[in-house]
């Protein structure tokens, strides 16, 4: 099955919950989520980890976090189970996100 390095990245569209990474079947993962804003004005960022569907109440692990060019957001060592999905959204189109980490067979 899938084991190895995770390297997912995207420039976010304003106001869109973007699915960045899904844990493959029979796999667990430990990830880092890096969020950087390349714009002049701060961006408001949200991050959710879901069981596979769209984000709902209880899925959000960051809400309303202000990210500026001098204040990036870094979440480290987030454990994920088979089928879980990381969603990220921002209120501007100047935000880049990278999800990195490792997958292991379970």
PDB file of N, CA and C in Angstrom:
ATOM      1  N   UNK A   1       0.823  -1.193   0.000  1.00  0.00           N
ATOM      2  CA  UNK A   1       0.000   0.000   0.000  1.00  0.00           C
ATOM      3  C   UNK A   1       0.868   1.257   0.000  1.00  0.00           C
ATOM      4  N   UNK A   2       0.228   2.382   0.263  1.00  0.00           N
ATOM      5  CA  UNK A   2       0.920   3.665   0.202  1.00  0.00           C
ATOM      6  C   UNK A   2       1.720   3.934   1.465  1.00  0.00           C
ATOM      7  N   UNK A   3       2.991   4.152   1.315  1.00  0.00           N
ATOM      8  CA  UNK A   3       3.857   4.647   2.379  1.00  0.00           C
ATOM      9  C   UNK A   3       4.803   5.628   1.732  1.00  0.00           C
ATOM     10  N   UNK A   4       5.108   6.711   2.421  1.00  0.00           N
ATOM     11  CA  UNK A   4       6.039   7.651   1.829  1.00  0.00           C
ATOM     12  C   UNK A   4       5.780   9.074   2.237  1.00  0.00           C
ATOM     13  N   UNK A   5       6.345   9.973   1.465  1.00  0.00           N
ATOM     14  CA  UNK A   5       6.333  11.391   1.763  1.00  0.00           C
ATOM     15  C   UNK A   5       5.110  12.066   1.150  1.00  0.00           C
ATOM     16  N   UNK A   6       4.512  12.989   1.896  1.00  0.00           N
ATOM     17  CA  UNK A   6       3.366  13.773   1.436  1.00  0.00           C
ATOM     18  C   UNK A   6       3.866  15.149   1.026  1.00  0.00           C
ATOM     19  N   UNK A   7       3.428  15.609  -0.133  1.00  0.00           N
ATOM     20  CA  UNK A   7       3.802  16.934  -0.607  1.00  0.00           C
ATOM     21  C   UNK A   7       2.643  17.499  -1.426  1.00  0.00           C
ATOM     22  N   UNK A   8       1.694  18.121  -0.737  1.00  0.00           N
ATOM     23  CA  UNK A   8       0.544  18.725  -1.407  1.00  0.00           C
ATOM     24  C   UNK A   8       0.618  20.229  -1.210  1.00  0.00           C
ATOM     25  N   UNK A   9       0.289  20.980  -2.255  1.00  0.00           N
ATOM     26  CA  UNK A   9       0.348  22.440  -2.135  1.00  0.00           C
ATOM     27  C   UNK A   9      -0.660  23.089  -3.069  1.00  0.00           C
ATOM     28  N   UNK A  10      -1.052  24.322  -2.712  1.00  0.00           N
ATOM     29  CA  UNK A  10      -2.016  25.052  -3.536  1.00  0.00           C
ATOM     30  C   UNK A  10      -1.988  26.528  -3.188  1.00  0.00           C
ATOM     31  N   UNK A  11      -2.335  27.354  -4.169  1.00  0.00           N
ATOM     32  CA  UNK A  11      -2.686  28.754  -3.941  1.00  0.00           C
ATOM     33  C   UNK A  11      -4.204  28.753  -3.798  1.00  0.00           C
ATOM     34  N   UNK A  12      -4.714  29.281  -2.687  1.00  0.00           N
ATOM     35  CA  UNK A  12      -6.142  29.228  -2.410  1.00  0.00           C
ATOM     36  C   UNK A  12      -6.918  30.282  -3.185  1.00  0.00           C
ATOM     37  N   UNK A  13      -8.119  29.921  -3.606  1.00  0.00           N
ATOM     38  CA  UNK A  13      -9.070  30.878  -4.172  1.00  0.00           C
ATOM     39  C   UNK A  13      -9.846  31.482  -3.001  1.00  0.00           C
ATOM     40  N   UNK A  14     -10.094  32.756  -3.041  1.00  0.00           N
ATOM     41  CA  UNK A  14     -10.776  33.448  -1.942  1.00  0.00           C
ATOM     42  C   UNK A  14     -12.134  32.830  -1.645  1.00  0.00           C
ATOM     43  N   UNK A  15     -12.376  32.524  -0.363  1.00  0.00           N
ATOM     44  CA  UNK A  15     -13.676  32.054   0.084  1.00  0.00           C
ATOM     45  C   UNK A  15     -14.035  30.624  -0.258  1.00  0.00           C
ATOM     46  N   UNK A  16     -13.085  29.838  -0.737  1.00  0.00           N
ATOM     47  CA  UNK A  16     -13.366  28.453  -1.144  1.00  0.00           C
ATOM     48  C   UNK A  16     -12.706  27.485  -0.168  1.00  0.00           C
ATOM     49  N   UNK A  17     -13.489  26.518   0.354  1.00  0.00           N
ATOM     50  CA  UNK A  17     -12.919  25.453   1.167  1.00  0.00           C
ATOM     51  C   UNK A  17     -12.223  24.482   0.214  1.00  0.00           C
ATOM     52  N   UNK A  18     -10.889  24.477   0.247  1.00  0.00           N
ATOM     53  CA  UNK A  18     -10.089  23.699  -0.694  1.00  0.00           C
ATOM     54  C   UNK A  18      -9.570  22.430  -0.025  1.00  0.00           C
ATOM     55  N   UNK A  19      -9.886  21.273  -0.615  1.00  0.00           N
ATOM     56  CA  UNK A  19      -9.367  19.995  -0.117  1.00  0.00           C
ATOM     57  C   UNK A  19      -7.927  19.851  -0.608  1.00  0.00           C
ATOM     58  N   UNK A  20      -6.994  19.770   0.330  1.00  0.00           N
ATOM     59  CA  UNK A  20      -5.582  19.703  -0.042  1.00  0.00           C
ATOM     60  C   UNK A  20      -4.998  18.308  -0.015  1.00  0.00           C
ATOM     61  N   UNK A  21      -5.481  17.469   0.889  1.00  0.00           N
ATOM     62  CA  UNK A  21      -4.892  16.140   1.028  1.00  0.00           C
ATOM     63  C   UNK A  21      -5.910  15.191   1.630  1.00  0.00           C
ATOM     64  N   UNK A  22      -5.968  13.981   1.070  1.00  0.00           N
ATOM     65  CA  UNK A  22      -6.816  12.911   1.582  1.00  0.00           C
ATOM     66  C   UNK A  22      -5.934  11.721   1.926  1.00  0.00           C
ATOM     67  N   UNK A  23      -6.103  11.173   3.117  1.00  0.00           N
ATOM     68  CA  UNK A  23      -5.324  10.003   3.526  1.00  0.00           C
ATOM     69  C   UNK A  23      -5.826   8.789   2.744  1.00  0.00           C
ATOM     70  N   UNK A  24      -4.917   8.086   2.039  1.00  0.00           N
ATOM     71  CA  UNK A  24      -5.333   6.918   1.261  1.00  0.00           C
ATOM     72  C   UNK A  24      -5.867   5.779   2.137  1.00  0.00           C
ATOM     73  N   UNK A  25      -6.557   4.837   1.509  1.00  0.00           N
ATOM     74  CA  UNK A  25      -7.082   3.664   2.200  1.00  0.00           C
ATOM     75  C   UNK A  25      -5.948   2.875   2.857  1.00  0.00           C
ATOM     76  N   UNK A  26      -6.247   2.278   4.001  1.00  0.00           N
ATOM     77  CA  UNK A  26      -5.312   1.437   4.755  1.00  0.00           C
ATOM     78  C   UNK A  26      -4.023   2.179   5.116  1.00  0.00           C
ATOM     79  N   UNK A  27      -4.132   3.496   5.297  1.00  0.00           N
ATOM     80  CA  UNK A  27      -2.962   4.336   5.562  1.00  0.00           C
ATOM     81  C   UNK A  27      -3.280   5.324   6.685  1.00  0.00           C
ATOM     82  N   UNK A  28      -2.287   5.628   7.494  1.00  0.00           N
ATOM     83  CA  UNK A  28      -2.361   6.719   8.449  1.00  0.00           C
ATOM     84  C   UNK A  28      -1.321   7.740   8.041  1.00  0.00           C
ATOM     85  N   UNK A  29      -1.417   8.942   8.550  1.00  0.00           N
ATOM     86  CA  UNK A  29      -0.466   9.992   8.172  1.00  0.00           C
ATOM     87  C   UNK A  29      -0.223  10.925   9.352  1.00  0.00           C
ATOM     88  N   UNK A  30       0.952  11.518   9.342  1.00  0.00           N
ATOM     89  CA  UNK A  30       1.285  12.613  10.250  1.00  0.00           C
ATOM     90  C   UNK A  30       1.730  13.761   9.371  1.00  0.00           C
ATOM     91  N   UNK A  31       1.082  14.921   9.520  1.00  0.00           N
ATOM     92  CA  UNK A  31       1.318  16.025   8.594  1.00  0.00           C
ATOM     93  C   UNK A  31       1.657  17.321   9.303  1.00  0.00           C
ATOM     94  N   UNK A  32       2.299  18.195   8.551  1.00  0.00           N
ATOM     95  CA  UNK A  32       2.527  19.587   8.917  1.00  0.00           C
ATOM     96  C   UNK A  32       1.751  20.431   7.906  1.00  0.00           C
ATOM     97  N   UNK A  33       1.116  21.499   8.383  1.00  0.00           N
ATOM     98  CA  UNK A  33       0.353  22.387   7.512  1.00  0.00           C
ATOM     99  C   UNK A  33       0.970  23.778   7.616  1.00  0.00           C
ATOM    100  N   UNK A  34       1.526  24.262   6.513  1.00  0.00           N
ATOM    101  CA  UNK A  34       2.163  25.586   6.453  1.00  0.00           C
ATOM    102  C   UNK A  34       1.295  26.516   5.618  1.00  0.00           C
ATOM    103  N   UNK A  35       1.002  27.693   6.162  1.00  0.00           N
ATOM    104  CA  UNK A  35       0.175  28.677   5.461  1.00  0.00           C
ATOM    105  C   UNK A  35       0.940  29.989   5.391  1.00  0.00           C
ATOM    106  N   UNK A  36       1.108  30.512   4.178  1.00  0.00           N
ATOM    107  CA  UNK A  36       1.828  31.767   3.967  1.00  0.00           C
ATOM    108  C   UNK A  36       0.964  32.716   3.148  1.00  0.00           C
ATOM    109  N   UNK A  37       0.983  33.978   3.527  1.00  0.00           N
ATOM    110  CA  UNK A  37       0.242  35.009   2.802  1.00  0.00           C
ATOM    111  C   UNK A  37       1.244  35.901   2.074  1.00  0.00           C
ATOM    112  N   UNK A  38       1.067  36.023   0.764  1.00  0.00           N
ATOM    113  CA  UNK A  38       1.967  36.845  -0.049  1.00  0.00           C
ATOM    114  C   UNK A  38       1.378  38.209  -0.352  1.00  0.00           C
ATOM    115  N   UNK A  39       0.232  38.497   0.238  1.00  0.00           N
ATOM    116  CA  UNK A  39      -0.420  39.773  -0.008  1.00  0.00           C
ATOM    117  C   UNK A  39       0.037  40.850   0.957  1.00  0.00           C
ATOM    118  N   UNK A  40      -0.372  42.060   0.670  1.00  0.00           N
ATOM    119  CA  UNK A  40      -0.041  43.215   1.503  1.00  0.00           C
ATOM    120  C   UNK A  40      -0.885  43.219   2.779  1.00  0.00           C
ATOM    121  N   UNK A  41      -2.161  42.855   2.650  1.00  0.00           N
ATOM    122  CA  UNK A  41      -3.075  42.858   3.793  1.00  0.00           C
ATOM    123  C   UNK A  41      -3.146  41.473   4.430  1.00  0.00           C
ATOM    124  N   UNK A  42      -3.383  41.407   5.751  1.00  0.00           N
ATOM    125  CA  UNK A  42      -3.544  40.107   6.412  1.00  0.00           C
ATOM    126  C   UNK A  42      -4.717  39.321   5.824  1.00  0.00           C
ATOM    127  N   UNK A  43      -4.593  38.010   5.834  1.00  0.00           N
ATOM    128  CA  UNK A  43      -5.664  37.122   5.388  1.00  0.00           C
ATOM    129  C   UNK A  43      -6.216  36.377   6.599  1.00  0.00           C
ATOM    130  N   UNK A  44      -7.503  36.072   6.547  1.00  0.00           N
ATOM    131  CA  UNK A  44      -8.123  35.252   7.582  1.00  0.00           C
ATOM    132  C   UNK A  44      -8.213  33.828   7.048  1.00  0.00           C
ATOM    133  N   UNK A  45      -7.660  32.874   7.816  1.00  0.00           N
ATOM    134  CA  UNK A  45      -7.515  31.492   7.356  1.00  0.00           C
ATOM    135  C   UNK A  45      -8.271  30.547   8.281  1.00  0.00           C
ATOM    136  N   UNK A  46      -8.846  29.482   7.688  1.00  0.00           N
ATOM    137  CA  UNK A  46      -9.496  28.409   8.436  1.00  0.00           C
ATOM    138  C   UNK A  46      -8.940  27.071   7.950  1.00  0.00           C
ATOM    139  N   UNK A  47      -8.806  26.116   8.877  1.00  0.00           N
ATOM    140  CA  UNK A  47      -8.348  24.760   8.539  1.00  0.00           C
ATOM    141  C   UNK A  47      -9.305  23.765   9.182  1.00  0.00           C
ATOM    142  N   UNK A  48      -9.720  22.760   8.403  1.00  0.00           N
ATOM    143  CA  UNK A  48     -10.579  21.693   8.916  1.00  0.00           C
ATOM    144  C   UNK A  48      -9.970  20.341   8.574  1.00  0.00           C
ATOM    145  N   UNK A  49     -10.225  19.377   9.431  1.00  0.00           N
ATOM    146  CA  UNK A  49      -9.908  17.979   9.139  1.00  0.00           C
ATOM    147  C   UNK A  49     -11.223  17.226   9.253  1.00  0.00           C
ATOM    148  N   UNK A  50     -11.655  16.626   8.139  1.00  0.00           N
ATOM    149  CA  UNK A  50     -12.962  15.962   8.094  1.00  0.00           C
ATOM    150  C   UNK A  50     -12.791  14.449   7.935  1.00  0.00           C
ATOM    151  N   UNK A  51     -13.909  13.749   8.057  1.00  0.00           N
ATOM    152  CA  UNK A  51     -13.897  12.300   7.841  1.00  0.00           C
ATOM    153  C   UNK A  51     -14.089  11.954   6.372  1.00  0.00           C
ATOM    154  N   UNK A  52     -13.989  12.929   5.502  1.00  0.00           N
ATOM    155  CA  UNK A  52     -14.093  12.705   4.065  1.00  0.00           C
ATOM    156  C   UNK A  52     -15.066  13.637   3.380  1.00  0.00           C
ATOM    157  N   UNK A  53     -16.050  14.129   4.107  1.00  0.00           N
ATOM    158  CA  UNK A  53     -17.024  15.040   3.528  1.00  0.00           C
ATOM    159  C   UNK A  53     -16.581  16.482   3.644  1.00  0.00           C
ATOM    160  N   UNK A  54     -17.468  17.372   3.236  1.00  0.00           N
ATOM    161  CA  UNK A  54     -17.199  18.807   3.353  1.00  0.00           C
ATOM    162  C   UNK A  54     -17.125  19.190   4.826  1.00  0.00           C
ATOM    163  N   UNK A  55     -16.375  20.250   5.160  1.00  0.00           N
ATOM    164  CA  UNK A  55     -16.254  20.668   6.557  1.00  0.00           C
ATOM    165  C   UNK A  55     -17.610  21.002   7.189  1.00  0.00           C
ATOM    166  N   UNK A  56     -17.763  20.557   8.442  1.00  0.00           N
ATOM    167  CA  UNK A  56     -18.975  20.809   9.213  1.00  0.00           C
ATOM    168  C   UNK A  56     -18.570  21.223  10.622  1.00  0.00           C
ATOM    169  N   UNK A  57     -19.540  21.563  11.438  1.00  0.00           N
ATOM    170  CA  UNK A  57     -19.252  21.888  12.836  1.00  0.00           C
ATOM    171  C   UNK A  57     -18.464  20.743  13.464  1.00  0.00           C
ATOM    172  N   UNK A  58     -17.442  21.079  14.229  1.00  0.00           N
ATOM    173  CA  UNK A  58     -16.607  20.085  14.879  1.00  0.00           C
ATOM    174  C   UNK A  58     -15.378  19.685  14.087  1.00  0.00           C
ATOM    175  N   UNK A  59     -15.304  20.078  12.801  1.00  0.00           N
ATOM    176  CA  UNK A  59     -14.156  19.717  11.956  1.00  0.00           C
ATOM    177  C   UNK A  59     -13.062  20.775  11.950  1.00  0.00           C
ATOM    178  N   UNK A  60     -13.374  21.999  12.345  1.00  0.00           N
ATOM    179  CA  UNK A  60     -12.420  23.105  12.222  1.00  0.00           C
ATOM    180  C   UNK A  60     -11.396  23.070  13.347  1.00  0.00           C
ATOM    181  N   UNK A  61     -10.098  23.092  12.990  1.00  0.00           N
ATOM    182  CA  UNK A  61      -9.024  23.136  13.992  1.00  0.00           C
ATOM    183  C   UNK A  61      -8.394  24.526  14.070  1.00  0.00           C
ATOM    184  N   UNK A  62      -8.645  25.368  13.087  1.00  0.00           N
ATOM    185  CA  UNK A  62      -8.246  26.791  13.093  1.00  0.00           C
ATOM    186  C   UNK A  62      -9.399  27.570  12.476  1.00  0.00           C
ATOM    187  N   UNK A  63      -9.790  28.650  13.132  1.00  0.00           N
ATOM    188  CA  UNK A  63     -10.820  29.522  12.552  1.00  0.00           C
ATOM    189  C   UNK A  63     -10.450  30.966  12.830  1.00  0.00           C
ATOM    190  N   UNK A  64     -10.523  31.787  11.820  1.00  0.00           N
ATOM    191  CA  UNK A  64     -10.259  33.207  12.010  1.00  0.00           C
ATOM    192  C   UNK A  64      -8.821  33.549  12.320  1.00  0.00           C
ATOM    193  N   UNK A  65      -7.898  32.689  11.943  1.00  0.00           N
ATOM    194  CA  UNK A  65      -6.486  32.962  12.204  1.00  0.00           C
ATOM    195  C   UNK A  65      -5.985  34.007  11.204  1.00  0.00           C
ATOM    196  N   UNK A  66      -5.364  35.070  11.699  1.00  0.00           N
ATOM    197  CA  UNK A  66      -4.831  36.122  10.834  1.00  0.00           C
ATOM    198  C   UNK A  66      -3.415  35.761  10.386  1.00  0.00           C
ATOM    199  N   UNK A  67      -3.222  35.710   9.068  1.00  0.00           N
ATOM    200  CA  UNK A  67      -1.923  35.368   8.492  1.00  0.00           C
ATOM    201  C   UNK A  67      -1.457  36.545   7.645  1.00  0.00           C
ATOM    202  N   UNK A  68      -0.293  37.094   8.000  1.00  0.00           N
ATOM    203  CA  UNK A  68       0.308  38.167   7.207  1.00  0.00           C
ATOM    204  C   UNK A  68       1.636  37.662   6.653  1.00  0.00           C
ATOM    205  N   UNK A  69       2.273  38.492   5.841  1.00  0.00           N
ATOM    206  CA  UNK A  69       3.565  38.069   5.285  1.00  0.00           C
ATOM    207  C   UNK A  69       4.602  37.862   6.386  1.00  0.00           C
ATOM    208  N   UNK A  70       4.440  38.544   7.518  1.00  0.00           N
ATOM    209  CA  UNK A  70       5.379  38.411   8.635  1.00  0.00           C
ATOM    210  C   UNK A  70       4.892  37.426   9.693  1.00  0.00           C
ATOM    211  N   UNK A  71       3.690  36.879   9.520  1.00  0.00           N
ATOM    212  CA  UNK A  71       3.105  35.999  10.525  1.00  0.00           C
ATOM    213  C   UNK A  71       2.469  34.777   9.859  1.00  0.00           C
ATOM    214  N   UNK A  72       3.272  33.818   9.380  1.00  0.00           N
ATOM    215  CA  UNK A  72       2.708  32.616   8.776  1.00  0.00           C
ATOM    216  C   UNK A  72       2.074  31.724   9.846  1.00  0.00           C
ATOM    217  N   UNK A  73       1.319  30.744   9.415  1.00  0.00           N
ATOM    218  CA  UNK A  73       0.686  29.773  10.307  1.00  0.00           C
ATOM    219  C   UNK A  73       1.325  28.416  10.063  1.00  0.00           C
ATOM    220  N   UNK A  74       1.708  27.732  11.137  1.00  0.00           N
ATOM    221  CA  UNK A  74       2.299  26.401  11.029  1.00  0.00           C
ATOM    222  C   UNK A  74       1.649  25.495  12.056  1.00  0.00           C
ATOM    223  N   UNK A  75       1.029  24.420  11.575  1.00  0.00           N
ATOM    224  CA  UNK A  75       0.499  23.355  12.445  1.00  0.00           C
ATOM    225  C   UNK A  75       1.382  22.139  12.204  1.00  0.00           C
ATOM    226  N   UNK A  76       1.902  21.533  13.267  1.00  0.00           N
ATOM    227  CA  UNK A  76       2.823  20.412  13.102  1.00  0.00           C
ATOM    228  C   UNK A  76       2.298  19.150  13.768  1.00  0.00           C
ATOM    229  N   UNK A  77       2.756  18.017  13.230  1.00  0.00           N
ATOM    230  CA  UNK A  77       2.485  16.691  13.794  1.00  0.00           C
ATOM    231  C   UNK A  77       1.002  16.410  14.000  1.00  0.00           C
ATOM    232  N   UNK A  78       0.187  16.770  13.001  1.00  0.00           N
ATOM    233  CA  UNK A  78      -1.242  16.464  13.052  1.00  0.00           C
ATOM    234  C   UNK A  78      -1.445  15.014  12.610  1.00  0.00           C
ATOM    235  N   UNK A  79      -1.954  14.129  13.491  1.00  0.00           N
ATOM    236  CA  UNK A  79      -2.205  12.747  13.097  1.00  0.00           C
ATOM    237  C   UNK A  79      -3.517  12.634  12.330  1.00  0.00           C
ATOM    238  N   UNK A  80      -3.511  11.834  11.271  1.00  0.00           N
ATOM    239  CA  UNK A  80      -4.703  11.650  10.441  1.00  0.00           C
ATOM    240  C   UNK A  80      -4.955  10.165  10.220  1.00  0.00           C
ATOM    241  N   UNK A  81      -6.222   9.791  10.173  1.00  0.00           N
ATOM    242  CA  UNK A  81      -6.625   8.408   9.941  1.00  0.00           C
ATOM    243  C   UNK A  81      -7.044   8.216   8.483  1.00  0.00           C
ATOM    244  N   UNK A  82      -7.168   6.960   8.097  1.00  0.00           N
ATOM    245  CA  UNK A  82      -7.620   6.609   6.753  1.00  0.00           C
ATOM    246  C   UNK A  82      -8.861   7.402   6.370  1.00  0.00           C
ATOM    247  N   UNK A  83      -8.840   8.019   5.178  1.00  0.00           N
ATOM    248  CA  UNK A  83      -9.992   8.729   4.643  1.00  0.00           C
ATOM    249  C   UNK A  83     -10.171  10.158   5.106  1.00  0.00           C
ATOM    250  N   UNK A  84      -9.399  10.607   6.108  1.00  0.00           N
ATOM    251  CA  UNK A  84      -9.557  11.988   6.550  1.00  0.00           C
ATOM    252  C   UNK A  84      -9.015  12.955   5.494  1.00  0.00           C
ATOM    253  N   UNK A  85      -9.620  14.141   5.451  1.00  0.00           N
ATOM    254  CA  UNK A  85      -9.289  15.151   4.442  1.00  0.00           C
ATOM    255  C   UNK A  85      -8.961  16.471   5.130  1.00  0.00           C
ATOM    256  N   UNK A  86      -7.897  17.143   4.656  1.00  0.00           N
ATOM    257  CA  UNK A  86      -7.550  18.482   5.140  1.00  0.00           C
ATOM    258  C   UNK A  86      -8.139  19.508   4.183  1.00  0.00           C
ATOM    259  N   UNK A  87      -8.941  20.419   4.732  1.00  0.00           N
ATOM    260  CA  UNK A  87      -9.491  21.547   3.978  1.00  0.00           C
ATOM    261  C   UNK A  87      -8.906  22.833   4.532  1.00  0.00           C
ATOM    262  N   UNK A  88      -8.605  23.774   3.645  1.00  0.00           N
ATOM    263  CA  UNK A  88      -8.116  25.088   4.053  1.00  0.00           C
ATOM    264  C   UNK A  88      -8.865  26.140   3.242  1.00  0.00           C
ATOM    265  N   UNK A  89      -9.188  27.257   3.885  1.00  0.00           N
ATOM    266  CA  UNK A  89      -9.803  28.370   3.160  1.00  0.00           C
ATOM    267  C   UNK A  89      -9.247  29.689   3.681  1.00  0.00           C
ATOM    268  N   UNK A  90      -9.325  30.713   2.841  1.00  0.00           N
ATOM    269  CA  UNK A  90      -8.856  32.055   3.193  1.00  0.00           C
ATOM    270  C   UNK A  90      -9.794  33.069   2.545  1.00  0.00           C
ATOM    271  N   UNK A  91      -9.793  34.268   3.085  1.00  0.00           N
ATOM    272  CA  UNK A  91     -10.675  35.306   2.546  1.00  0.00           C
ATOM    273  C   UNK A  91     -10.029  36.095   1.399  1.00  0.00           C
ATOM    274  N   UNK A  92      -8.800  35.745   1.019  1.00  0.00           N
ATOM    275  CA  UNK A  92      -8.123  36.397  -0.104  1.00  0.00           C
ATOM    276  C   UNK A  92      -7.534  35.332  -1.028  1.00  0.00           C
ATOM    277  N   UNK A  93      -7.092  35.761  -2.194  1.00  0.00           N
ATOM    278  CA  UNK A  93      -6.459  34.824  -3.132  1.00  0.00           C
ATOM    279  C   UNK A  93      -4.931  34.956  -3.130  1.00  0.00           C
ATOM    280  N   UNK A  94      -4.373  35.381  -1.999  1.00  0.00           N
ATOM    281  CA  UNK A  94      -2.926  35.574  -1.894  1.00  0.00           C
ATOM    282  C   UNK A  94      -2.273  34.572  -0.940  1.00  0.00           C
ATOM    283  N   UNK A  95      -2.994  33.509  -0.610  1.00  0.00           N
ATOM    284  CA  UNK A  95      -2.515  32.557   0.394  1.00  0.00           C
ATOM    285  C   UNK A  95      -2.080  31.245  -0.259  1.00  0.00           C
ATOM    286  N   UNK A  96      -0.873  30.809   0.086  1.00  0.00           N
ATOM    287  CA  UNK A  96      -0.350  29.510  -0.341  1.00  0.00           C
ATOM    288  C   UNK A  96      -0.342  28.572   0.855  1.00  0.00           C
ATOM    289  N   UNK A  97      -0.635  27.294   0.595  1.00  0.00           N
ATOM    290  CA  UNK A  97      -0.643  26.275   1.645  1.00  0.00           C
ATOM    291  C   UNK A  97       0.174  25.085   1.174  1.00  0.00           C
ATOM    292  N   UNK A  98       0.940  24.511   2.101  1.00  0.00           N
ATOM    293  CA  UNK A  98       1.674  23.281   1.815  1.00  0.00           C
ATOM    294  C   UNK A  98       1.408  22.300   2.950  1.00  0.00           C
ATOM    295  N   UNK A  99       1.049  21.086   2.576  1.00  0.00           N
ATOM    296  CA  UNK A  99       0.889  19.988   3.522  1.00  0.00           C
ATOM    297  C   UNK A  99       2.024  19.012   3.249  1.00  0.00           C
ATOM    298  N   UNK A 100       2.825  18.757   4.273  1.00  0.00           N
ATOM    299  CA  UNK A 100       3.940  17.812   4.127  1.00  0.00           C
ATOM    300  C   UNK A 100       3.917  16.854   5.303  1.00  0.00           C
ATOM    301  N   UNK A 101       4.523  15.704   5.120  1.00  0.00           N
ATOM    302  CA  UNK A 101       4.569  14.722   6.191  1.00  0.00           C
ATOM    303  C   UNK A 101       4.795  13.334   5.626  1.00  0.00           C
ATOM    304  N   UNK A 102       4.365  12.337   6.396  1.00  0.00           N
ATOM    305  CA  UNK A 102       4.584  10.940   6.017  1.00  0.00           C
ATOM    306  C   UNK A 102       3.340  10.108   6.168  1.00  0.00           C
ATOM    307  N   UNK A 103       3.192   9.155   5.243  1.00  0.00           N
ATOM    308  CA  UNK A 103       2.128   8.160   5.297  1.00  0.00           C
ATOM    309  C   UNK A 103       2.728   6.833   5.725  1.00  0.00           C
ATOM    310  N   UNK A 104       1.926   6.034   6.442  1.00  0.00           N
ATOM    311  CA  UNK A 104       2.333   4.689   6.827  1.00  0.00           C
ATOM    312  C   UNK A 104       1.177   3.736   6.656  1.00  0.00           C
ATOM    313  N   UNK A 105       1.464   2.502   6.264  1.00  0.00           N
ATOM    314  CA  UNK A 105       0.447   1.470   6.203  1.00  0.00           C
ATOM    315  C   UNK A 105      -0.089   1.195   7.595  1.00  0.00           C
ATOM    316  N   UNK A 106      -1.401   0.963   7.698  1.00  0.00           N
ATOM    317  CA  UNK A 106      -1.993   0.603   8.988  1.00  0.00           C
ATOM    318  C   UNK A 106      -2.740  -0.710   8.872  1.00  0.00           C
TER     319      UNK A 106
END
